[in-house]
Amino acid sequence: MLVINVPVVEDFDDEKQEWIVTESFKLEMEHSLATLSKWESFFEKPFLGTEEKTPEELFWYFEAMIVTPNVPPKVMLKLVETRELIEAIDQYINAKMTATWFNEKGPRRPSREVVTAEIIYHWMISHNIWLECEHWHLNRLLTLIKVCNQKNTPPKKMSRREMLAERAKINARRKAELGTSG
């Protein structure tokens, strides 16, 4: 969850010659499958993908991310007017949110499947991932789904060439360790 303080009222401090925040509003936001689902139900198009979002669509997504109840409209206006807050939200959305990493061998072909909230819900159901995870950070949830896919897929058999290369590598290491020529 992202917690930010949105400055609502600022005054100028004559002594320090700078603007100071005199009133702020604490805003809690989440980038999750639940948020994605709300956005897709409103705009009736996939959120994840290559299509650029309009400022209105992004503003609506920010509103859908808000978990804090009864947010005054002036807070939302200040939120979208403040560059630092927009950057903080963007960093939060793009954060990895997990320690898991994947050893990707070779170039990956991008999938042509259009991923929508319903597709992600299907993945969750097929892997028996509990529904409460819909409120996890979306990148963390997608990582869990990817882990489930990899763990449920039988290991890929090595080709003859890969097997011979692996054996040659092991033999070379053993020769070096034992100081022999073969």
N, C-alpha and C. Protein backbone atom coordinates (compact mmCIF):
# COMPACT_ATOMS: atom_id res chain seq x y z
N MET A 1 0.84 -1.17 0.00
CA MET A 1 0.00 0.00 0.00
C MET A 1 0.90 1.24 0.00
N LEU A 2 0.50 2.22 -0.75
CA LEU A 2 1.22 3.49 -0.81
C LEU A 2 0.50 4.49 0.08
N VAL A 3 1.25 5.14 0.96
CA VAL A 3 0.69 6.18 1.82
C VAL A 3 1.41 7.48 1.48
N ILE A 4 0.64 8.47 1.05
CA ILE A 4 1.23 9.78 0.73
C ILE A 4 0.45 10.88 1.43
N ASN A 5 1.14 11.95 1.71
CA ASN A 5 0.51 13.14 2.29
C ASN A 5 0.38 14.19 1.20
N VAL A 6 -0.85 14.51 0.90
CA VAL A 6 -1.13 15.50 -0.15
C VAL A 6 -1.24 16.87 0.50
N PRO A 7 -0.38 17.82 0.12
CA PRO A 7 -0.48 19.16 0.69
C PRO A 7 -1.75 19.85 0.19
N VAL A 8 -2.58 20.27 1.13
CA VAL A 8 -3.85 20.90 0.75
C VAL A 8 -3.73 22.42 0.85
N VAL A 9 -3.08 22.90 1.91
CA VAL A 9 -2.91 24.34 2.12
C VAL A 9 -1.43 24.64 2.34
N GLU A 10 -0.93 25.64 1.61
CA GLU A 10 0.45 26.07 1.78
C GLU A 10 0.47 27.57 2.06
N ASP A 11 1.38 27.98 2.93
CA ASP A 11 1.56 29.39 3.25
C ASP A 11 3.03 29.75 3.07
N PHE A 12 3.27 31.02 2.83
CA PHE A 12 4.64 31.47 2.66
C PHE A 12 5.21 31.93 4.00
N ASP A 13 6.37 31.38 4.37
CA ASP A 13 7.06 31.75 5.60
C ASP A 13 8.01 32.89 5.26
N ASP A 14 7.68 34.10 5.77
CA ASP A 14 8.49 35.28 5.46
C ASP A 14 9.89 35.20 6.04
N GLU A 15 10.05 34.59 7.20
CA GLU A 15 11.36 34.49 7.83
C GLU A 15 12.30 33.59 7.03
N LYS A 16 11.81 32.42 6.62
CA LYS A 16 12.65 31.46 5.89
C LYS A 16 12.60 31.68 4.39
N GLN A 17 11.67 32.51 3.95
CA GLN A 17 11.49 32.80 2.52
C GLN A 17 11.22 31.52 1.71
N GLU A 18 10.28 30.73 2.23
CA GLU A 18 9.90 29.49 1.53
C GLU A 18 8.45 29.15 1.82
N TRP A 19 7.89 28.30 0.94
CA TRP A 19 6.52 27.83 1.11
C TRP A 19 6.53 26.66 2.09
N ILE A 20 5.58 26.65 3.01
CA ILE A 20 5.45 25.54 3.96
C ILE A 20 4.02 24.99 3.89
N VAL A 21 3.92 23.70 4.14
CA VAL A 21 2.61 23.04 4.13
C VAL A 21 1.98 23.23 5.51
N THR A 22 0.81 23.81 5.52
CA THR A 22 0.12 24.02 6.80
C THR A 22 -1.01 23.02 7.02
N GLU A 23 -1.47 22.40 5.93
CA GLU A 23 -2.52 21.39 6.06
C GLU A 23 -2.30 20.34 4.98
N SER A 24 -2.33 19.05 5.37
CA SER A 24 -2.19 17.98 4.39
C SER A 24 -3.22 16.90 4.67
N PHE A 25 -3.39 16.02 3.68
CA PHE A 25 -4.38 14.94 3.79
C PHE A 25 -3.65 13.63 3.52
N LYS A 26 -3.78 12.68 4.45
CA LYS A 26 -3.14 11.37 4.32
C LYS A 26 -3.98 10.50 3.40
N LEU A 27 -3.36 10.02 2.33
CA LEU A 27 -4.04 9.25 1.30
C LEU A 27 -3.40 7.86 1.22
N GLU A 28 -4.22 6.82 1.31
CA GLU A 28 -3.75 5.44 1.15
C GLU A 28 -4.23 4.93 -0.20
N MET A 29 -3.29 4.35 -0.97
CA MET A 29 -3.61 3.89 -2.32
C MET A 29 -3.06 2.48 -2.52
N GLU A 30 -3.72 1.71 -3.40
CA GLU A 30 -3.21 0.39 -3.74
C GLU A 30 -3.34 0.15 -5.24
N HIS A 31 -2.26 -0.39 -5.82
CA HIS A 31 -2.24 -0.81 -7.22
C HIS A 31 -2.42 -2.32 -7.18
N SER A 32 -3.65 -2.75 -7.44
CA SER A 32 -3.97 -4.17 -7.24
C SER A 32 -4.90 -4.66 -8.34
N LEU A 33 -5.17 -5.94 -8.29
CA LEU A 33 -6.12 -6.53 -9.23
C LEU A 33 -7.51 -5.95 -9.04
N ALA A 34 -7.88 -5.66 -7.79
CA ALA A 34 -9.19 -5.06 -7.52
C ALA A 34 -9.29 -3.69 -8.19
N THR A 35 -8.23 -2.90 -8.10
CA THR A 35 -8.20 -1.58 -8.74
C THR A 35 -8.27 -1.71 -10.25
N LEU A 36 -7.48 -2.62 -10.78
CA LEU A 36 -7.47 -2.87 -12.23
C LEU A 36 -8.85 -3.27 -12.72
N SER A 37 -9.52 -4.11 -11.95
CA SER A 37 -10.86 -4.57 -12.30
C SER A 37 -11.85 -3.41 -12.33
N LYS A 38 -11.77 -2.51 -11.34
CA LYS A 38 -12.66 -1.33 -11.31
C LYS A 38 -12.46 -0.49 -12.57
N TRP A 39 -11.18 -0.24 -12.91
CA TRP A 39 -10.86 0.60 -14.06
C TRP A 39 -11.38 -0.03 -15.35
N GLU A 40 -11.14 -1.35 -15.51
CA GLU A 40 -11.57 -2.03 -16.73
C GLU A 40 -13.10 -2.09 -16.84
N SER A 41 -13.79 -2.20 -15.69
CA SER A 41 -15.26 -2.20 -15.77
C SER A 41 -15.80 -0.84 -16.20
N PHE A 42 -15.09 0.22 -15.83
CA PHE A 42 -15.55 1.56 -16.20
C PHE A 42 -15.23 1.88 -17.66
N PHE A 43 -13.98 1.61 -18.09
CA PHE A 43 -13.57 1.98 -19.45
C PHE A 43 -13.80 0.88 -20.48
N GLU A 44 -14.08 -0.35 -20.02
CA GLU A 44 -14.36 -1.49 -20.89
C GLU A 44 -13.27 -1.74 -21.92
N LYS A 45 -12.01 -1.64 -21.45
CA LYS A 45 -10.86 -1.99 -22.28
C LYS A 45 -9.73 -2.41 -21.35
N PRO A 46 -8.76 -3.17 -21.87
CA PRO A 46 -7.68 -3.65 -21.00
C PRO A 46 -6.78 -2.52 -20.52
N PHE A 47 -6.43 -2.56 -19.24
CA PHE A 47 -5.53 -1.55 -18.68
C PHE A 47 -4.07 -1.90 -18.99
N LEU A 48 -3.74 -3.19 -18.86
CA LEU A 48 -2.37 -3.64 -19.14
C LEU A 48 -2.24 -3.79 -20.64
N GLY A 49 -1.22 -3.23 -21.18
CA GLY A 49 -1.03 -3.32 -22.62
C GLY A 49 -0.23 -2.14 -23.12
N THR A 50 -0.17 -2.03 -24.41
CA THR A 50 0.68 -1.02 -25.03
C THR A 50 -0.05 0.30 -25.32
N GLU A 51 -1.36 0.28 -25.28
CA GLU A 51 -2.12 1.49 -25.62
C GLU A 51 -1.89 2.59 -24.58
N GLU A 52 -1.60 3.79 -25.05
CA GLU A 52 -1.40 4.95 -24.17
C GLU A 52 -2.71 5.31 -23.47
N LYS A 53 -2.59 5.71 -22.23
CA LYS A 53 -3.76 6.15 -21.46
C LYS A 53 -3.89 7.67 -21.56
N THR A 54 -5.12 8.12 -21.65
CA THR A 54 -5.36 9.57 -21.66
C THR A 54 -5.21 10.10 -20.24
N PRO A 55 -5.01 11.40 -20.07
CA PRO A 55 -4.95 11.96 -18.71
C PRO A 55 -6.20 11.64 -17.89
N GLU A 56 -7.36 11.64 -18.55
CA GLU A 56 -8.61 11.31 -17.85
C GLU A 56 -8.57 9.87 -17.34
N GLU A 57 -8.08 8.94 -18.17
CA GLU A 57 -8.01 7.54 -17.78
C GLU A 57 -7.04 7.33 -16.62
N LEU A 58 -5.89 8.01 -16.68
CA LEU A 58 -4.93 7.91 -15.58
C LEU A 58 -5.49 8.51 -14.30
N PHE A 59 -6.14 9.66 -14.40
CA PHE A 59 -6.75 10.30 -13.23
C PHE A 59 -7.78 9.35 -12.62
N TRP A 60 -8.57 8.71 -13.45
CA TRP A 60 -9.58 7.79 -12.97
C TRP A 60 -8.91 6.60 -12.28
N TYR A 61 -7.79 6.12 -12.84
CA TYR A 61 -7.08 5.00 -12.20
C TYR A 61 -6.55 5.41 -10.83
N PHE A 62 -6.02 6.61 -10.73
CA PHE A 62 -5.55 7.11 -9.43
C PHE A 62 -6.70 7.13 -8.43
N GLU A 63 -7.86 7.59 -8.88
CA GLU A 63 -9.04 7.60 -7.99
C GLU A 63 -9.43 6.18 -7.57
N ALA A 64 -9.34 5.24 -8.52
CA ALA A 64 -9.70 3.85 -8.20
C ALA A 64 -8.69 3.24 -7.23
N MET A 65 -7.47 3.72 -7.22
CA MET A 65 -6.43 3.21 -6.32
C MET A 65 -6.66 3.63 -4.87
N ILE A 66 -7.43 4.66 -4.65
CA ILE A 66 -7.59 5.22 -3.30
C ILE A 66 -8.41 4.29 -2.41
N VAL A 67 -7.83 4.00 -1.25
CA VAL A 67 -8.49 3.15 -0.25
C VAL A 67 -9.09 4.03 0.85
N THR A 68 -8.54 5.20 1.06
CA THR A 68 -9.01 6.12 2.09
C THR A 68 -10.44 6.55 1.79
N PRO A 69 -11.33 6.46 2.77
CA PRO A 69 -12.72 6.87 2.52
C PRO A 69 -12.88 8.39 2.56
N ASN A 70 -13.90 8.89 1.87
CA ASN A 70 -14.32 10.29 1.90
C ASN A 70 -13.19 11.28 1.61
N VAL A 71 -12.58 11.14 0.46
CA VAL A 71 -11.52 12.06 0.05
C VAL A 71 -12.15 13.30 -0.55
N PRO A 72 -11.84 14.49 -0.02
CA PRO A 72 -12.40 15.71 -0.59
C PRO A 72 -11.88 15.95 -2.02
N PRO A 73 -12.70 16.52 -2.88
CA PRO A 73 -12.28 16.77 -4.27
C PRO A 73 -11.02 17.62 -4.38
N LYS A 74 -10.83 18.57 -3.45
CA LYS A 74 -9.64 19.44 -3.53
C LYS A 74 -8.35 18.64 -3.34
N VAL A 75 -8.44 17.52 -2.62
CA VAL A 75 -7.26 16.66 -2.42
C VAL A 75 -6.89 16.01 -3.75
N MET A 76 -7.88 15.52 -4.48
CA MET A 76 -7.61 14.91 -5.79
C MET A 76 -7.02 15.92 -6.75
N LEU A 77 -7.52 17.16 -6.72
CA LEU A 77 -6.97 18.19 -7.60
C LEU A 77 -5.51 18.48 -7.25
N LYS A 78 -5.21 18.59 -5.96
CA LYS A 78 -3.84 18.83 -5.52
C LYS A 78 -2.94 17.65 -5.89
N LEU A 79 -3.49 16.44 -5.80
CA LEU A 79 -2.72 15.24 -6.12
C LEU A 79 -2.23 15.27 -7.56
N VAL A 80 -3.13 15.55 -8.49
CA VAL A 80 -2.75 15.51 -9.90
C VAL A 80 -1.97 16.76 -10.32
N GLU A 81 -1.99 17.80 -9.51
CA GLU A 81 -1.22 19.01 -9.81
C GLU A 81 0.21 18.93 -9.31
N THR A 82 0.50 17.99 -8.42
CA THR A 82 1.81 17.92 -7.78
C THR A 82 2.66 16.85 -8.45
N ARG A 83 3.67 17.31 -9.16
CA ARG A 83 4.54 16.42 -9.94
C ARG A 83 5.21 15.34 -9.07
N GLU A 84 5.67 15.72 -7.88
CA GLU A 84 6.36 14.77 -7.00
C GLU A 84 5.43 13.62 -6.59
N LEU A 85 4.17 13.93 -6.35
CA LEU A 85 3.21 12.90 -5.96
C LEU A 85 2.91 11.96 -7.13
N ILE A 86 2.80 12.51 -8.32
CA ILE A 86 2.57 11.70 -9.52
C ILE A 86 3.76 10.75 -9.72
N GLU A 87 4.97 11.28 -9.53
CA GLU A 87 6.17 10.44 -9.67
C GLU A 87 6.21 9.35 -8.60
N ALA A 88 5.80 9.67 -7.37
CA ALA A 88 5.76 8.68 -6.29
C ALA A 88 4.77 7.56 -6.63
N ILE A 89 3.61 7.93 -7.16
CA ILE A 89 2.60 6.94 -7.55
C ILE A 89 3.13 6.07 -8.69
N ASP A 90 3.79 6.71 -9.66
CA ASP A 90 4.36 5.97 -10.79
C ASP A 90 5.43 4.99 -10.32
N GLN A 91 6.29 5.41 -9.40
CA GLN A 91 7.32 4.51 -8.86
C GLN A 91 6.67 3.34 -8.14
N TYR A 92 5.63 3.62 -7.38
CA TYR A 92 4.91 2.57 -6.66
C TYR A 92 4.28 1.58 -7.64
N ILE A 93 3.65 2.06 -8.68
CA ILE A 93 3.01 1.18 -9.67
C ILE A 93 4.04 0.29 -10.35
N ASN A 94 5.21 0.85 -10.66
CA ASN A 94 6.23 0.10 -11.39
C ASN A 94 7.18 -0.69 -10.49
N ALA A 95 7.01 -0.61 -9.18
CA ALA A 95 7.89 -1.33 -8.25
C ALA A 95 7.71 -2.84 -8.39
N LYS A 96 8.79 -3.56 -8.18
CA LYS A 96 8.78 -5.02 -8.29
C LYS A 96 8.00 -5.66 -7.14
N MET A 97 8.18 -5.17 -5.94
CA MET A 97 7.46 -5.60 -4.73
C MET A 97 7.69 -7.06 -4.35
N THR A 98 8.80 -7.63 -4.74
CA THR A 98 9.12 -9.01 -4.38
C THR A 98 10.62 -9.24 -4.49
N ALA A 99 11.11 -10.23 -3.77
CA ALA A 99 12.52 -10.60 -3.85
C ALA A 99 12.75 -11.69 -4.90
N THR A 100 11.68 -12.20 -5.45
CA THR A 100 11.78 -13.27 -6.44
C THR A 100 12.32 -12.75 -7.75
N TRP A 101 13.22 -13.52 -8.35
CA TRP A 101 13.72 -13.18 -9.68
C TRP A 101 13.70 -14.45 -10.51
N PHE A 102 13.73 -14.28 -11.82
CA PHE A 102 13.64 -15.41 -12.73
C PHE A 102 14.87 -15.45 -13.61
N ASN A 103 15.38 -16.65 -13.84
CA ASN A 103 16.52 -16.85 -14.71
C ASN A 103 16.00 -17.10 -16.11
N GLU A 104 15.90 -16.03 -16.86
CA GLU A 104 15.36 -16.13 -18.22
C GLU A 104 16.51 -16.48 -19.17
N LYS A 105 16.39 -17.61 -19.85
CA LYS A 105 17.42 -18.02 -20.80
C LYS A 105 16.99 -17.60 -22.19
N GLY A 106 17.86 -16.86 -22.85
CA GLY A 106 17.58 -16.46 -24.21
C GLY A 106 16.50 -15.40 -24.31
N PRO A 107 16.31 -14.88 -25.51
CA PRO A 107 15.27 -13.86 -25.69
C PRO A 107 13.88 -14.46 -25.57
N ARG A 108 13.00 -13.71 -24.93
CA ARG A 108 11.61 -14.17 -24.76
C ARG A 108 10.73 -13.53 -25.81
N ARG A 109 9.84 -14.34 -26.33
CA ARG A 109 8.85 -13.79 -27.26
C ARG A 109 7.72 -13.20 -26.43
N PRO A 110 7.34 -11.96 -26.72
CA PRO A 110 6.22 -11.40 -25.97
C PRO A 110 4.93 -12.13 -26.31
N SER A 111 4.11 -12.31 -25.31
CA SER A 111 2.82 -12.99 -25.50
C SER A 111 1.87 -12.07 -26.25
N ARG A 112 1.06 -12.66 -27.09
CA ARG A 112 0.06 -11.86 -27.82
C ARG A 112 -1.28 -11.86 -27.11
N GLU A 113 -1.35 -12.59 -25.99
CA GLU A 113 -2.60 -12.65 -25.25
C GLU A 113 -2.88 -11.31 -24.58
N VAL A 114 -4.10 -10.85 -24.73
CA VAL A 114 -4.52 -9.61 -24.07
C VAL A 114 -4.87 -9.97 -22.63
N VAL A 115 -4.14 -9.38 -21.68
CA VAL A 115 -4.34 -9.70 -20.27
C VAL A 115 -5.31 -8.69 -19.67
N THR A 116 -6.41 -9.21 -19.17
CA THR A 116 -7.42 -8.38 -18.51
C THR A 116 -7.56 -8.89 -17.07
N ALA A 117 -8.34 -8.20 -16.28
CA ALA A 117 -8.57 -8.60 -14.89
C ALA A 117 -9.15 -10.02 -14.83
N GLU A 118 -10.06 -10.33 -15.74
CA GLU A 118 -10.68 -11.67 -15.72
C GLU A 118 -9.66 -12.76 -16.02
N ILE A 119 -8.72 -12.49 -16.90
CA ILE A 119 -7.66 -13.47 -17.20
C ILE A 119 -6.83 -13.72 -15.94
N ILE A 120 -6.49 -12.64 -15.23
CA ILE A 120 -5.70 -12.78 -14.01
C ILE A 120 -6.50 -13.53 -12.94
N TYR A 121 -7.80 -13.24 -12.82
CA TYR A 121 -8.65 -13.99 -11.89
C TYR A 121 -8.66 -15.48 -12.27
N HIS A 122 -8.73 -15.77 -13.56
CA HIS A 122 -8.69 -17.16 -14.02
C HIS A 122 -7.38 -17.83 -13.59
N TRP A 123 -6.26 -17.12 -13.78
CA TRP A 123 -4.97 -17.68 -13.36
C TRP A 123 -4.96 -17.96 -11.86
N MET A 124 -5.53 -17.03 -11.09
CA MET A 124 -5.58 -17.21 -9.64
C MET A 124 -6.39 -18.46 -9.28
N ILE A 125 -7.54 -18.61 -9.90
CA ILE A 125 -8.41 -19.75 -9.60
C ILE A 125 -7.74 -21.06 -10.02
N SER A 126 -7.12 -21.06 -11.20
CA SER A 126 -6.51 -22.31 -11.69
C SER A 126 -5.32 -22.73 -10.84
N HIS A 127 -4.68 -21.78 -10.16
CA HIS A 127 -3.54 -22.10 -9.28
C HIS A 127 -3.94 -22.16 -7.80
N ASN A 128 -5.24 -22.07 -7.53
CA ASN A 128 -5.75 -22.09 -6.15
C ASN A 128 -5.14 -20.98 -5.29
N ILE A 129 -4.96 -19.82 -5.87
CA ILE A 129 -4.47 -18.66 -5.13
C ILE A 129 -5.68 -18.01 -4.48
N TRP A 130 -5.59 -17.77 -3.18
CA TRP A 130 -6.74 -17.26 -2.46
C TRP A 130 -7.13 -15.87 -2.94
N LEU A 131 -8.42 -15.60 -2.89
CA LEU A 131 -8.99 -14.37 -3.45
C LEU A 131 -8.49 -13.11 -2.75
N GLU A 132 -8.07 -13.20 -1.50
CA GLU A 132 -7.57 -12.02 -0.78
C GLU A 132 -6.36 -11.41 -1.49
N CYS A 133 -5.69 -12.19 -2.32
CA CYS A 133 -4.51 -11.69 -3.04
C CYS A 133 -4.87 -10.65 -4.09
N GLU A 134 -6.15 -10.46 -4.35
CA GLU A 134 -6.55 -9.44 -5.32
C GLU A 134 -6.20 -8.04 -4.80
N HIS A 135 -5.89 -7.93 -3.51
CA HIS A 135 -5.50 -6.64 -2.94
C HIS A 135 -3.99 -6.50 -2.78
N TRP A 136 -3.23 -7.52 -3.19
CA TRP A 136 -1.78 -7.42 -3.20
C TRP A 136 -1.38 -6.43 -4.29
N HIS A 137 -0.16 -5.94 -4.20
CA HIS A 137 0.39 -5.13 -5.30
C HIS A 137 0.34 -6.00 -6.55
N LEU A 138 -0.11 -5.44 -7.65
CA LEU A 138 -0.35 -6.22 -8.87
C LEU A 138 0.92 -6.94 -9.35
N ASN A 139 2.08 -6.29 -9.28
CA ASN A 139 3.32 -6.93 -9.75
C ASN A 139 3.67 -8.14 -8.87
N ARG A 140 3.40 -8.05 -7.60
CA ARG A 140 3.66 -9.17 -6.69
C ARG A 140 2.73 -10.34 -7.01
N LEU A 141 1.47 -10.05 -7.27
CA LEU A 141 0.51 -11.10 -7.64
C LEU A 141 0.92 -11.77 -8.94
N LEU A 142 1.31 -10.98 -9.94
CA LEU A 142 1.73 -11.56 -11.22
C LEU A 142 2.98 -12.41 -11.06
N THR A 143 3.87 -12.01 -10.14
CA THR A 143 5.07 -12.82 -9.87
C THR A 143 4.67 -14.15 -9.24
N LEU A 144 3.72 -14.13 -8.31
CA LEU A 144 3.24 -15.37 -7.70
C LEU A 144 2.64 -16.30 -8.76
N ILE A 145 1.87 -15.74 -9.66
CA ILE A 145 1.27 -16.55 -10.73
C ILE A 145 2.36 -17.15 -11.62
N LYS A 146 3.39 -16.37 -11.91
CA LYS A 146 4.50 -16.87 -12.74
C LYS A 146 5.25 -17.99 -12.02
N VAL A 147 5.43 -17.83 -10.71
CA VAL A 147 6.09 -18.89 -9.91
C VAL A 147 5.25 -20.16 -9.96
N CYS A 148 3.93 -20.03 -9.79
CA CYS A 148 3.04 -21.20 -9.85
C CYS A 148 3.13 -21.87 -11.21
N ASN A 149 3.17 -21.09 -12.27
CA ASN A 149 3.30 -21.65 -13.62
C ASN A 149 4.59 -22.44 -13.75
N GLN A 150 5.70 -21.86 -13.28
CA GLN A 150 6.99 -22.54 -13.42
C GLN A 150 7.07 -23.79 -12.56
N LYS A 151 6.54 -23.73 -11.35
CA LYS A 151 6.60 -24.89 -10.46
C LYS A 151 5.69 -26.02 -10.94
N ASN A 152 4.63 -25.69 -11.66
CA ASN A 152 3.70 -26.70 -12.16
C ASN A 152 4.07 -27.23 -13.54
N THR A 153 5.08 -26.67 -14.16
CA THR A 153 5.50 -27.10 -15.49
C THR A 153 6.64 -28.11 -15.33
N PRO A 154 6.54 -29.27 -16.00
CA PRO A 154 7.65 -30.23 -15.88
C PRO A 154 8.92 -29.63 -16.46
N PRO A 155 10.08 -30.02 -15.89
CA PRO A 155 11.34 -29.45 -16.40
C PRO A 155 11.55 -29.79 -17.87
N LYS A 156 12.12 -28.85 -18.58
CA LYS A 156 12.37 -29.04 -20.00
C LYS A 156 13.59 -29.94 -20.17
N LYS A 157 13.48 -30.92 -21.05
CA LYS A 157 14.60 -31.82 -21.31
C LYS A 157 15.67 -31.07 -22.09
N MET A 158 16.93 -31.40 -21.76
CA MET A 158 18.04 -30.78 -22.49
C MET A 158 18.18 -31.44 -23.85
N SER A 159 18.55 -30.64 -24.82
CA SER A 159 18.83 -31.20 -26.14
C SER A 159 20.17 -31.93 -26.07
N ARG A 160 20.45 -32.73 -27.06
CA ARG A 160 21.72 -33.48 -27.09
C ARG A 160 22.89 -32.52 -27.02
N ARG A 161 22.83 -31.44 -27.76
CA ARG A 161 23.91 -30.46 -27.79
C ARG A 161 24.11 -29.84 -26.41
N GLU A 162 23.01 -29.45 -25.73
CA GLU A 162 23.10 -28.87 -24.39
C GLU A 162 23.68 -29.87 -23.39
N MET A 163 23.27 -31.16 -23.51
CA MET A 163 23.75 -32.18 -22.61
C MET A 163 25.26 -32.40 -22.79
N LEU A 164 25.74 -32.46 -24.04
CA LEU A 164 27.17 -32.64 -24.30
C LEU A 164 27.97 -31.43 -23.82
N ALA A 165 27.43 -30.24 -24.00
CA ALA A 165 28.12 -29.03 -23.54
C ALA A 165 28.22 -29.01 -22.02
N GLU A 166 27.15 -29.42 -21.34
CA GLU A 166 27.15 -29.48 -19.87
C GLU A 166 28.17 -30.49 -19.37
N ARG A 167 28.24 -31.66 -20.00
CA ARG A 167 29.22 -32.69 -19.62
C ARG A 167 30.64 -32.20 -19.84
N ALA A 168 30.88 -31.54 -20.97
CA ALA A 168 32.22 -31.02 -21.26
C ALA A 168 32.63 -29.98 -20.21
N LYS A 169 31.70 -29.15 -19.81
CA LYS A 169 31.95 -28.13 -18.78
C LYS A 169 32.30 -28.79 -17.44
N ILE A 170 31.55 -29.80 -17.05
CA ILE A 170 31.80 -30.51 -15.79
C ILE A 170 33.15 -31.21 -15.84
N ASN A 171 33.46 -31.87 -16.98
CA ASN A 171 34.76 -32.55 -17.11
C ASN A 171 35.92 -31.56 -17.05
N ALA A 172 35.78 -30.41 -17.68
CA ALA A 172 36.84 -29.39 -17.64
C ALA A 172 37.05 -28.89 -16.22
N ARG A 173 35.97 -28.71 -15.48
CA ARG A 173 36.09 -28.26 -14.09
C ARG A 173 36.77 -29.31 -13.23
N ARG A 174 36.41 -30.56 -13.42
CA ARG A 174 37.02 -31.65 -12.65
C ARG A 174 38.51 -31.77 -12.96
N LYS A 175 38.88 -31.66 -14.26
CA LYS A 175 40.30 -31.72 -14.63
C LYS A 175 41.08 -30.61 -13.96
N ALA A 176 40.51 -29.41 -13.94
CA ALA A 176 41.18 -28.26 -13.30
C ALA A 176 41.32 -28.48 -11.81
N GLU A 177 40.31 -29.03 -11.17
CA GLU A 177 40.35 -29.27 -9.72
C GLU A 177 41.37 -30.33 -9.34
N LEU A 178 41.45 -31.38 -10.15
CA LEU A 178 42.32 -32.49 -9.83
C LEU A 178 43.72 -32.35 -10.45
N GLY A 179 43.88 -31.37 -11.34
CA GLY A 179 45.17 -31.13 -11.98
C GLY A 179 45.59 -32.26 -12.90
N THR A 180 44.64 -32.88 -13.57
CA THR A 180 44.96 -33.97 -14.51
C THR A 180 44.68 -33.54 -15.93
N SER A 181 45.12 -34.39 -16.87
CA SER A 181 44.90 -34.06 -18.28
C SER A 181 43.83 -34.96 -18.90
N GLY A 182 43.22 -35.75 -18.10
CA GLY A 182 42.14 -36.54 -18.65
C GLY A 182 42.06 -37.88 -18.16
